[in-house]
Amino acid sequence: MQQGVQRKPAADFRQIRMVIAKVTSSCNLRCSYCCADAIPVSQPGATMTMETHKRAATLLIGDTESPELQWIFHGGEPMLLPIPWYEEAIEFCISAGEANPRLKRLAIGMQSNLTRLTPEFLQLVKKYRIQIGTSLDGPPRLSDVHRQAGKRVEETIELLMREGAPPGVIAQINKNTIAHMDEVVDYFDQKGFAVMFNATCPTGRGMNVDNLTGDELYNAKRQLLERADQSGNVRLLGPDLIRQLFYFFTGQRDMTERNCHTYNCGAGVSLIGVDPNGDVWPCGRSSDADLGKLGNVNDPGSLSQCPSILRTFHEKDLWYLRCFGCQAKLICLFGCTAFDKNSIPTREIECHATQLLHQYLWCHPDLVQRLVMRFQAATEKMASEAREGKLTPPFLPMHTGNHPCSGMARAGVPAPGQPAAAMIELSAQVGLNLVQPDGTDLAPIPQTIE
């Protein structure tokens, strides 16, 4: 146990593999579709205290029995917090990881709009091999319709790529970008950014943003598949589409898996969220939706009701009966429990798009095979180069036994700034070996759709 931090076990976090630590509710931008509504950084409770961070790290890193854990600093805009705060926070995470003999790999991530990446923050990123994630919807002129500072974000992504720390990019598919999808796909293909496309959801500040139709969402995914096939650039597909391709190609899927975009999602099981006040949520999105608060790390006793709260959070209504007889369940991502639970229209959009995509894959088996083979060949090549010491993945950096920098240097591992292939980053994100339930009685879970 870390000195000066007291706790008593009150909940089961043994399967946790990812922590979304929302260290601030403030942001320097005001994107129109943001799922949160940021508050001023000067407002009380806008940022996480170091004491709260240490309590969260001690509880979640200390309790996990997973061999790997990713700790992601999130917001708001996390780079609003000072560098010394992160130095202390990350070192504490490393110490907590070293104290847990079951944990072998600790990754530090940060989801940022990148407008505040100073040279000093860049050094922090390189020192701790922080995997950066950001958002850009396409060419700046299109991205700025709903977002802000697109040119600045584009330039900073390119800087990080030159520095050997390529970020992952989330691009939102919305009514604006869907009208220019060819241009958007061309842009990411030419830039070489590792990108994941998500559909906008009517949440937070974006409640008035128009929803896509199921046909529009499907057509966007179809265009991504066809462009990746034509160009050979599988980074355009992102982890979710690649998962769907593998599910379809193999015809196999473990319906008991507990992760994002599964019938019974991994919220509260394989991932967890913590907000600036120390409130614990099933995931990062559930805090945005104000759904399923589990308790608070500063009051361990408040976490005693986790099983019953998670049971309610994961309950399925009668709408989901259609899933049992649906052939498209093989590739279905099942939406987001936090965002879709109270929005049947959003479910319908995703359901229709998935059924159309399933039909498309059936009609284009050669395309599926080519994309799967290209992805496998590329990741096998990069993995081989990593084993030979030619490359070191920027994703899932190792923090084991010693300080992450000095320990790697003694082992002859390339320095954090050494360029690395974006394909390894993508393969790590795909994570085809997903977390399985270990049989613990976390909470009664609705029957899966075997």
Protein backbone atom coordinates (compact mmCIF):
# COMPACT_ATOMS: atom_id res chain seq x y z
CA MET A 1 0.00 0.00 0.00
CA GLN A 2 1.27 3.47 -0.82
CA GLN A 3 2.37 5.49 2.20
CA GLY A 4 -0.17 8.07 3.32
CA VAL A 5 -3.06 6.52 1.39
CA GLN A 6 -5.59 4.43 3.28
CA ARG A 7 -8.37 2.34 1.86
CA LYS A 8 -10.34 -0.80 2.46
CA PRO A 9 -11.62 -3.07 -0.30
CA ALA A 10 -15.27 -2.38 -1.04
CA ALA A 11 -15.71 -3.48 -4.66
CA ASP A 12 -14.38 -5.99 -7.14
CA PHE A 13 -11.94 -4.41 -9.61
CA ARG A 14 -9.89 -7.52 -10.29
CA GLN A 15 -10.50 -7.58 -14.05
CA ILE A 16 -9.82 -3.90 -14.70
CA ARG A 17 -7.58 -3.33 -17.73
CA MET A 18 -8.32 0.32 -18.49
CA VAL A 19 -8.92 3.35 -16.30
CA ILE A 20 -10.33 6.58 -17.74
CA ALA A 21 -9.13 9.21 -15.26
CA LYS A 22 -10.95 12.46 -16.01
CA VAL A 23 -8.57 14.79 -14.24
CA THR A 24 -10.42 17.96 -15.22
CA SER A 25 -13.88 19.06 -16.28
CA SER A 26 -12.43 22.15 -17.97
CA CYS A 27 -11.48 22.68 -21.61
CA ASN A 28 -10.01 25.55 -23.59
CA LEU A 29 -12.22 24.71 -26.61
CA ARG A 30 -15.99 24.71 -27.08
CA CYS A 31 -16.69 22.07 -29.74
CA SER A 32 -20.38 22.11 -30.61
CA TYR A 33 -20.97 18.36 -30.35
CA CYS A 34 -18.90 17.65 -27.23
CA CYS A 35 -20.44 15.01 -24.97
CA ALA A 36 -19.56 17.16 -21.96
CA ASP A 37 -20.13 20.81 -21.10
CA ALA A 38 -16.83 22.11 -19.72
CA ILE A 39 -16.65 24.39 -16.69
CA PRO A 40 -14.02 27.10 -15.98
CA VAL A 41 -10.72 25.71 -14.68
CA SER A 42 -10.90 28.14 -11.74
CA GLN A 43 -14.20 26.70 -10.54
CA PRO A 44 -13.97 24.51 -7.40
CA GLY A 45 -13.89 20.84 -8.30
CA ALA A 46 -12.81 21.49 -11.88
CA THR A 47 -9.55 19.56 -11.49
CA MET A 48 -8.57 16.39 -9.65
CA THR A 49 -6.48 16.80 -6.53
CA MET A 50 -3.31 14.76 -6.13
CA GLU A 51 -4.78 13.08 -3.07
CA THR A 52 -7.80 11.91 -5.08
CA HIS A 53 -5.55 10.68 -7.88
CA LYS A 54 -3.43 8.68 -5.45
CA ARG A 55 -6.48 7.11 -3.86
CA ALA A 56 -7.80 6.11 -7.28
CA ALA A 57 -4.45 4.70 -8.42
CA THR A 58 -3.95 2.77 -5.20
CA LEU A 59 -7.42 1.25 -5.42
CA LEU A 60 -7.56 0.43 -9.14
CA ILE A 61 -3.93 -0.41 -9.93
CA GLY A 62 -3.53 -2.20 -6.62
CA ASP A 63 -6.62 -4.39 -6.99
CA THR A 64 -6.34 -5.50 -10.60
CA GLU A 65 -5.28 -9.05 -11.34
CA SER A 66 -4.89 -8.29 -15.03
CA PRO A 67 -1.31 -8.53 -16.32
CA GLU A 68 -1.84 -5.32 -18.32
CA LEU A 69 -3.45 -2.02 -17.43
CA GLN A 70 -3.81 1.23 -19.33
CA TRP A 71 -4.22 4.44 -17.34
CA ILE A 72 -5.61 7.23 -19.52
CA PHE A 73 -5.63 10.86 -18.41
CA HIS A 74 -8.79 12.40 -19.84
CA GLY A 75 -10.97 15.46 -19.50
CA GLY A 76 -12.02 18.10 -20.43
CA GLU A 77 -8.55 18.99 -21.61
CA PRO A 78 -5.94 17.22 -19.45
CA MET A 79 -3.08 19.46 -20.58
CA LEU A 80 -4.66 22.26 -18.55
CA LEU A 81 -3.02 20.64 -15.52
CA PRO A 82 0.64 21.53 -14.88
CA ILE A 83 3.53 19.27 -15.80
CA PRO A 84 4.71 18.82 -12.17
CA TRP A 85 1.25 17.40 -11.37
CA TYR A 86 1.72 14.73 -14.06
CA GLU A 87 5.28 13.97 -12.98
CA GLU A 88 4.03 13.14 -9.49
CA ALA A 89 0.89 11.40 -10.71
CA ILE A 90 2.66 9.12 -13.20
CA GLU A 91 5.44 8.24 -10.79
CA PHE A 92 2.78 7.26 -8.26
CA CYS A 93 1.06 5.05 -10.86
CA ILE A 94 4.39 3.35 -11.58
CA SER A 95 4.99 2.77 -7.85
CA ALA A 96 1.49 1.36 -7.43
CA GLY A 97 2.12 -0.94 -10.40
CA GLU A 98 5.43 -2.15 -8.99
CA ALA A 99 3.68 -3.00 -5.74
CA ASN A 100 1.21 -5.27 -7.56
CA PRO A 101 3.04 -8.52 -8.45
CA ARG A 102 0.28 -9.57 -10.86
CA LEU A 103 0.66 -6.47 -13.05
CA LYS A 104 3.33 -6.82 -15.73
CA ARG A 105 2.60 -3.95 -18.10
CA LEU A 106 1.39 -0.44 -17.32
CA ALA A 107 0.60 1.96 -20.16
CA ILE A 108 0.05 5.69 -19.68
CA GLY A 109 -2.26 7.43 -22.14
CA MET A 110 -3.73 10.89 -22.55
CA GLN A 111 -6.72 12.08 -24.61
CA SER A 112 -6.03 15.70 -25.58
CA ASN A 113 -7.13 18.28 -28.14
CA LEU A 114 -3.36 18.99 -28.58
CA THR A 115 -3.74 22.76 -28.65
CA ARG A 116 -1.65 23.08 -25.48
CA LEU A 117 1.20 20.75 -26.37
CA THR A 118 4.24 22.82 -25.42
CA PRO A 119 7.88 21.66 -25.80
CA GLU A 120 7.80 20.85 -22.09
CA PHE A 121 4.70 18.68 -22.47
CA LEU A 122 6.33 16.97 -25.44
CA GLN A 123 9.27 16.03 -23.23
CA LEU A 124 6.84 14.60 -20.67
CA VAL A 125 5.21 12.53 -23.42
CA LYS A 126 8.55 11.17 -24.56
CA LYS A 127 9.90 10.59 -21.05
CA TYR A 128 6.97 8.40 -20.00
CA ARG A 129 6.10 7.13 -23.47
CA ILE A 130 2.57 8.49 -23.11
CA GLN A 131 0.28 7.31 -25.89
CA ILE A 132 -1.62 10.38 -27.05
CA GLY A 133 -5.12 10.29 -28.49
CA THR A 134 -6.79 13.28 -30.12
CA SER A 135 -9.72 14.25 -32.33
CA LEU A 136 -9.82 15.64 -35.85
CA ASP A 137 -12.74 15.10 -38.22
CA GLY A 138 -10.82 15.55 -41.47
CA PRO A 139 -9.29 18.54 -43.27
CA PRO A 140 -9.29 21.52 -40.87
CA ARG A 141 -11.91 23.43 -42.87
CA LEU A 142 -14.34 20.52 -42.42
CA SER A 143 -13.31 19.63 -38.89
CA ASP A 144 -13.82 23.20 -37.71
CA VAL A 145 -17.53 23.15 -38.55
CA HIS A 146 -18.13 21.41 -35.22
CA ARG A 147 -14.65 21.44 -33.67
CA GLN A 148 -12.07 24.21 -33.23
CA ALA A 149 -8.38 24.80 -33.96
CA GLY A 150 -8.20 22.18 -36.72
CA LYS A 151 -5.01 23.54 -38.29
CA ARG A 152 -3.25 23.65 -34.94
CA VAL A 153 -4.30 20.06 -34.19
CA GLU A 154 -3.14 18.89 -37.63
CA GLU A 155 0.28 20.50 -37.19
CA THR A 156 0.68 19.00 -33.71
CA ILE A 157 -0.21 15.51 -34.92
CA GLU A 158 2.47 15.85 -37.59
CA LEU A 159 4.95 17.05 -34.94
CA LEU A 160 4.26 14.03 -32.74
CA MET A 161 4.71 11.71 -35.71
CA ARG A 162 8.10 13.28 -36.46
CA GLU A 163 9.06 12.86 -32.79
CA GLY A 164 8.29 9.15 -32.86
CA ALA A 165 5.13 9.41 -30.76
CA PRO A 166 2.32 9.09 -33.33
CA PRO A 167 -1.10 9.77 -31.78
CA GLY A 168 -4.32 7.94 -32.47
CA VAL A 169 -7.00 10.13 -34.05
CA ILE A 170 -10.75 9.91 -33.48
CA ALA A 171 -12.80 11.33 -36.37
CA GLN A 172 -16.49 11.92 -35.84
CA ILE A 173 -18.84 11.03 -38.67
CA ASN A 174 -21.60 13.64 -38.71
CA LYS A 175 -23.95 15.36 -41.17
CA ASN A 176 -21.12 17.69 -42.19
CA THR A 177 -18.41 15.12 -42.87
CA ILE A 178 -20.80 12.58 -44.41
CA ALA A 179 -21.43 15.07 -47.21
CA HIS A 180 -17.68 15.17 -47.94
CA MET A 181 -16.74 11.59 -47.08
CA ASP A 182 -14.51 11.10 -50.13
CA GLU A 183 -12.49 14.18 -49.19
CA VAL A 184 -12.28 13.09 -45.54
CA VAL A 185 -11.05 9.59 -46.43
CA ASP A 186 -8.56 11.00 -48.97
CA TYR A 187 -7.22 13.33 -46.29
CA PHE A 188 -6.52 10.61 -43.72
CA ASP A 189 -5.14 8.28 -46.38
CA GLN A 190 -2.65 10.91 -47.57
CA LYS A 191 -1.71 12.08 -44.07
CA GLY A 192 -1.07 8.56 -42.81
CA PHE A 193 -2.74 9.21 -39.46
CA ALA A 194 -3.97 6.17 -37.49
CA VAL A 195 -7.68 6.98 -37.33
CA MET A 196 -10.85 5.58 -35.81
CA PHE A 197 -14.22 6.83 -37.06
CA ASN A 198 -17.10 7.23 -34.60
CA ALA A 199 -20.63 8.43 -35.23
CA THR A 200 -21.75 11.51 -33.29
CA CYS A 201 -24.25 10.93 -30.49
CA PRO A 202 -26.83 13.43 -29.20
CA THR A 203 -25.24 13.99 -25.78
CA GLY A 204 -23.86 16.86 -23.73
CA ARG A 205 -23.39 20.05 -25.74
CA GLY A 206 -24.26 18.10 -28.88
CA MET A 207 -27.92 17.43 -28.05
CA ASN A 208 -29.00 19.56 -31.01
CA VAL A 209 -26.62 17.99 -33.54
CA ASP A 210 -28.58 16.05 -36.15
CA ASN A 211 -28.31 12.28 -36.03
CA LEU A 212 -27.05 10.31 -39.00
CA THR A 213 -29.39 7.84 -40.62
CA GLY A 214 -28.54 4.15 -40.63
CA ASP A 215 -27.95 4.33 -44.38
CA GLU A 216 -25.52 7.22 -43.98
CA LEU A 217 -23.54 5.44 -41.28
CA TYR A 218 -23.36 2.27 -43.36
CA ASN A 219 -22.26 4.14 -46.50
CA ALA A 220 -19.47 5.82 -44.55
CA LYS A 221 -18.16 2.43 -43.37
CA ARG A 222 -18.47 1.00 -46.87
CA GLN A 223 -16.39 3.85 -48.27
CA LEU A 224 -13.72 3.24 -45.63
CA LEU A 225 -13.53 -0.44 -46.51
CA GLU A 226 -13.30 0.21 -50.24
CA ARG A 227 -10.69 2.93 -49.89
CA ALA A 228 -8.55 0.78 -47.58
CA ASP A 229 -8.80 -2.03 -50.11
CA GLN A 230 -7.79 0.21 -53.01
CA SER A 231 -4.92 1.95 -51.24
CA GLY A 232 -3.74 -0.90 -49.01
CA ASN A 233 -3.90 1.48 -46.04
CA VAL A 234 -5.65 -0.57 -43.35
CA ARG A 235 -5.04 2.20 -40.79
CA LEU A 236 -8.14 3.85 -42.28
CA LEU A 237 -10.31 1.14 -40.76
CA GLY A 238 -9.55 1.62 -37.08
CA PRO A 239 -9.91 -1.04 -34.39
CA ASP A 240 -13.68 -1.49 -34.58
CA LEU A 241 -13.95 -2.15 -38.31
CA ILE A 242 -10.95 -4.47 -38.13
CA ARG A 243 -12.64 -6.42 -35.34
CA GLN A 244 -15.75 -6.73 -37.52
CA LEU A 245 -13.68 -7.98 -40.44
CA PHE A 246 -12.00 -10.63 -38.28
CA TYR A 247 -15.30 -11.76 -36.78
CA PHE A 248 -16.79 -12.14 -40.25
CA PHE A 249 -13.70 -13.73 -41.79
CA THR A 250 -13.34 -16.37 -39.07
CA GLY A 251 -17.06 -16.81 -38.46
CA GLN A 252 -16.23 -16.98 -34.76
CA ARG A 253 -16.83 -14.71 -31.82
CA ASP A 254 -16.86 -15.25 -28.08
CA MET A 255 -20.16 -13.72 -26.99
CA THR A 256 -19.06 -13.75 -23.34
CA GLU A 257 -16.34 -11.17 -23.95
CA ARG A 258 -16.58 -8.06 -21.79
CA ASN A 259 -15.27 -4.98 -23.53
CA CYS A 260 -16.61 -1.91 -25.31
CA HIS A 261 -19.07 -2.69 -28.10
CA THR A 262 -20.08 -6.14 -26.92
CA TYR A 263 -23.58 -7.33 -25.95
CA ASN A 264 -22.65 -7.12 -22.27
CA CYS A 265 -20.08 -4.33 -22.37
CA GLY A 266 -17.00 -4.22 -20.16
CA ALA A 267 -18.03 -1.10 -18.25
CA GLY A 268 -17.32 -1.68 -14.58
CA VAL A 269 -15.69 -5.02 -15.40
CA SER A 270 -12.67 -4.54 -17.67
CA LEU A 271 -12.72 -0.73 -17.61
CA ILE A 272 -13.64 1.95 -15.12
CA GLY A 273 -13.93 5.73 -15.02
CA VAL A 274 -13.00 8.27 -12.34
CA ASP A 275 -14.01 11.94 -12.48
CA PRO A 276 -12.23 14.99 -10.95
CA ASN A 277 -14.19 14.65 -7.70
CA GLY A 278 -13.17 11.01 -7.30
CA ASP A 279 -16.57 9.63 -8.28
CA VAL A 280 -16.24 6.17 -9.83
CA TRP A 281 -18.27 5.32 -12.95
CA PRO A 282 -18.60 2.16 -15.05
CA CYS A 283 -16.70 3.92 -17.86
CA GLY A 284 -15.73 7.36 -19.11
CA ARG A 285 -18.88 7.77 -21.17
CA SER A 286 -21.21 6.84 -18.34
CA SER A 287 -19.97 9.86 -16.41
CA ASP A 288 -20.89 12.07 -19.39
CA ALA A 289 -24.33 10.47 -19.43
CA ASP A 290 -24.64 10.69 -15.60
CA LEU A 291 -25.51 7.01 -15.52
CA GLY A 292 -24.43 4.40 -12.99
CA LYS A 293 -22.23 6.18 -10.43
CA LEU A 294 -20.59 3.46 -8.32
CA GLY A 295 -19.24 5.48 -5.40
CA ASN A 296 -16.21 7.62 -4.62
CA VAL A 297 -12.54 6.72 -4.10
CA ASN A 298 -12.36 9.14 -1.16
CA ASP A 299 -15.11 7.17 0.58
CA PRO A 300 -14.37 3.46 -0.01
CA GLY A 301 -17.52 2.40 1.83
CA SER A 302 -19.62 4.10 -0.83
CA LEU A 303 -18.42 1.47 -3.34
CA SER A 304 -20.22 -1.36 -1.55
CA GLN A 305 -23.25 -1.10 -3.83
CA CYS A 306 -21.27 -1.67 -7.04
CA PRO A 307 -22.84 -5.06 -7.89
CA SER A 308 -26.44 -3.84 -7.74
CA ILE A 309 -25.64 -0.59 -9.58
CA LEU A 310 -23.83 -2.48 -12.33
CA ARG A 311 -26.72 -4.93 -12.59
CA THR A 312 -29.08 -2.04 -13.31
CA PHE A 313 -26.58 -0.39 -15.67
CA HIS A 314 -26.23 -3.54 -17.79
CA GLU A 315 -29.89 -4.57 -17.84
CA LYS A 316 -31.33 -5.03 -21.34
CA ASP A 317 -34.90 -4.14 -22.24
CA LEU A 318 -37.17 -6.00 -24.66
CA TRP A 319 -35.77 -4.12 -27.67
CA TYR A 320 -32.72 -6.40 -27.55
CA LEU A 321 -34.76 -9.57 -28.12
CA ARG A 322 -34.15 -8.98 -31.84
CA CYS A 323 -30.43 -9.65 -31.28
CA PHE A 324 -30.91 -13.35 -30.53
CA GLY A 325 -32.12 -14.28 -34.01
CA CYS A 326 -30.08 -11.72 -35.96
CA GLN A 327 -27.30 -13.07 -38.20
CA ALA A 328 -25.53 -9.71 -38.06
CA LYS A 329 -24.81 -10.26 -34.34
CA LEU A 330 -21.58 -11.90 -35.52
CA ILE A 331 -20.15 -8.44 -36.36
CA CYS A 332 -22.41 -6.21 -34.25
CA LEU A 333 -20.76 -3.69 -31.92
CA PHE A 334 -24.00 -3.28 -29.93
CA GLY A 335 -23.68 0.47 -29.52
CA CYS A 336 -22.73 2.08 -26.22
CA THR A 337 -24.62 1.14 -23.07
CA ALA A 338 -24.11 4.59 -21.54
CA PHE A 339 -25.22 6.56 -24.60
CA ASP A 340 -27.86 4.19 -26.02
CA LYS A 341 -29.62 2.98 -22.88
CA ASN A 342 -32.18 5.77 -23.01
CA SER A 343 -32.11 6.36 -26.77
CA ILE A 344 -33.92 3.80 -28.91
CA PRO A 345 -33.53 6.01 -32.05
CA THR A 346 -29.73 5.77 -31.69
CA ARG A 347 -29.98 2.00 -31.34
CA GLU A 348 -32.09 1.79 -34.49
CA ILE A 349 -29.55 3.76 -36.51
CA GLU A 350 -26.67 1.52 -35.47
CA CYS A 351 -28.73 -1.65 -35.88
CA HIS A 352 -29.75 -0.80 -39.45
CA ALA A 353 -26.19 0.20 -40.40
CA THR A 354 -24.82 -3.07 -38.98
CA GLN A 355 -27.32 -5.20 -40.90
CA LEU A 356 -26.41 -3.42 -44.15
CA LEU A 357 -22.70 -3.85 -43.43
CA HIS A 358 -23.20 -7.56 -42.76
CA GLN A 359 -24.95 -7.94 -46.13
CA TYR A 360 -22.13 -6.04 -47.82
CA LEU A 361 -19.46 -8.32 -46.35
CA TRP A 362 -21.39 -11.39 -47.51
CA CYS A 363 -21.41 -9.96 -51.05
CA HIS A 364 -17.69 -9.05 -51.02
CA PRO A 365 -15.76 -12.00 -49.51
CA ASP A 366 -12.66 -11.27 -51.62
CA LEU A 367 -12.42 -7.76 -50.20
CA VAL A 368 -12.73 -9.13 -46.66
CA GLN A 369 -9.98 -11.66 -47.26
CA ARG A 370 -7.61 -9.11 -48.81
CA LEU A 371 -8.00 -6.67 -45.94
CA VAL A 372 -7.57 -9.35 -43.27
CA MET A 373 -4.49 -10.75 -44.97
CA ARG A 374 -2.95 -7.28 -45.35
CA PHE A 375 -3.54 -6.48 -41.73
CA GLN A 376 -2.10 -9.78 -40.53
CA ALA A 377 0.97 -9.48 -42.77
CA ALA A 378 1.68 -5.94 -41.65
CA THR A 379 1.31 -6.67 -37.95
CA GLU A 380 3.42 -9.84 -38.18
CA LYS A 381 6.17 -7.87 -39.90
CA MET A 382 6.09 -5.11 -37.30
CA ALA A 383 6.00 -7.60 -34.43
CA SER A 384 9.05 -9.36 -35.87
CA GLU A 385 10.93 -6.08 -36.15
CA ALA A 386 9.98 -5.21 -32.58
CA ARG A 387 11.31 -8.55 -31.31
CA GLU A 388 14.57 -7.91 -33.15
CA GLY A 389 14.88 -4.50 -31.47
CA LYS A 390 14.42 -2.54 -34.70
CA LEU A 391 11.20 -0.96 -33.47
CA THR A 392 9.54 -0.31 -30.17
CA PRO A 393 5.77 0.11 -30.11
CA PRO A 394 4.51 3.49 -28.90
CA PHE A 395 1.42 1.77 -27.49
CA LEU A 396 1.43 -0.27 -24.27
CA PRO A 397 4.88 0.84 -23.04
CA MET A 398 6.41 -1.38 -20.40
CA HIS A 399 6.67 -0.23 -16.79
CA THR A 400 7.97 -3.25 -14.92
CA GLY A 401 10.28 -3.58 -11.94
CA ASN A 402 12.33 -0.45 -12.57
CA HIS A 403 11.77 3.09 -13.69
CA PRO A 404 10.41 2.86 -17.25
CA CYS A 405 13.22 4.84 -18.84
CA SER A 406 16.31 3.56 -17.03
CA GLY A 407 15.03 -0.02 -17.00
CA MET A 408 14.51 -0.08 -20.77
CA ALA A 409 17.86 1.53 -21.41
CA ARG A 410 19.67 -1.14 -19.40
CA ALA A 411 17.80 -3.82 -21.31
CA GLY A 412 18.94 -2.42 -24.64
CA VAL A 413 15.44 -1.33 -25.71
CA PRO A 414 15.36 1.61 -28.17
CA ALA A 415 14.75 5.03 -26.68
CA PRO A 416 11.17 6.35 -26.44
CA GLY A 417 11.74 8.87 -29.23
CA GLN A 418 12.74 6.26 -31.80
CA PRO A 419 10.27 6.15 -34.74
CA ALA A 420 7.86 3.24 -34.59
CA ALA A 421 5.35 1.80 -37.01
CA ALA A 422 1.78 3.01 -36.61
CA MET A 423 0.60 -0.49 -37.48
CA ILE A 424 1.85 -1.85 -34.15
CA GLU A 425 -0.15 0.86 -32.43
CA LEU A 426 -3.22 -0.21 -34.36
CA SER A 427 -2.75 -3.92 -33.68
CA ALA A 428 -2.39 -3.19 -29.97
CA GLN A 429 -5.62 -1.21 -29.99
CA VAL A 430 -7.52 -3.96 -31.80
CA GLY A 431 -6.89 -6.36 -28.93
CA LEU A 432 -8.45 -9.47 -30.43
CA ASN A 433 -7.68 -11.42 -27.25
CA LEU A 434 -10.37 -9.69 -25.23
CA VAL A 435 -10.93 -9.97 -21.49
CA GLN A 436 -13.03 -12.94 -20.45
CA PRO A 437 -15.05 -13.18 -17.21
CA ASP A 438 -13.09 -15.05 -14.53
CA GLY A 439 -16.15 -16.54 -12.92
CA THR A 440 -16.32 -14.07 -10.04
CA ASP A 441 -19.78 -13.06 -8.92
CA LEU A 442 -19.51 -9.39 -9.88
CA ALA A 443 -23.23 -9.15 -10.54
CA PRO A 444 -25.92 -11.22 -12.23
CA ILE A 445 -25.42 -10.50 -15.93
CA PRO A 446 -28.12 -10.90 -18.59
CA GLN A 447 -27.68 -14.07 -20.60
CA THR A 448 -25.43 -13.61 -23.62
CA ILE A 449 -26.63 -14.18 -27.14
CA GLU A 450 -24.83 -17.41 -27.96
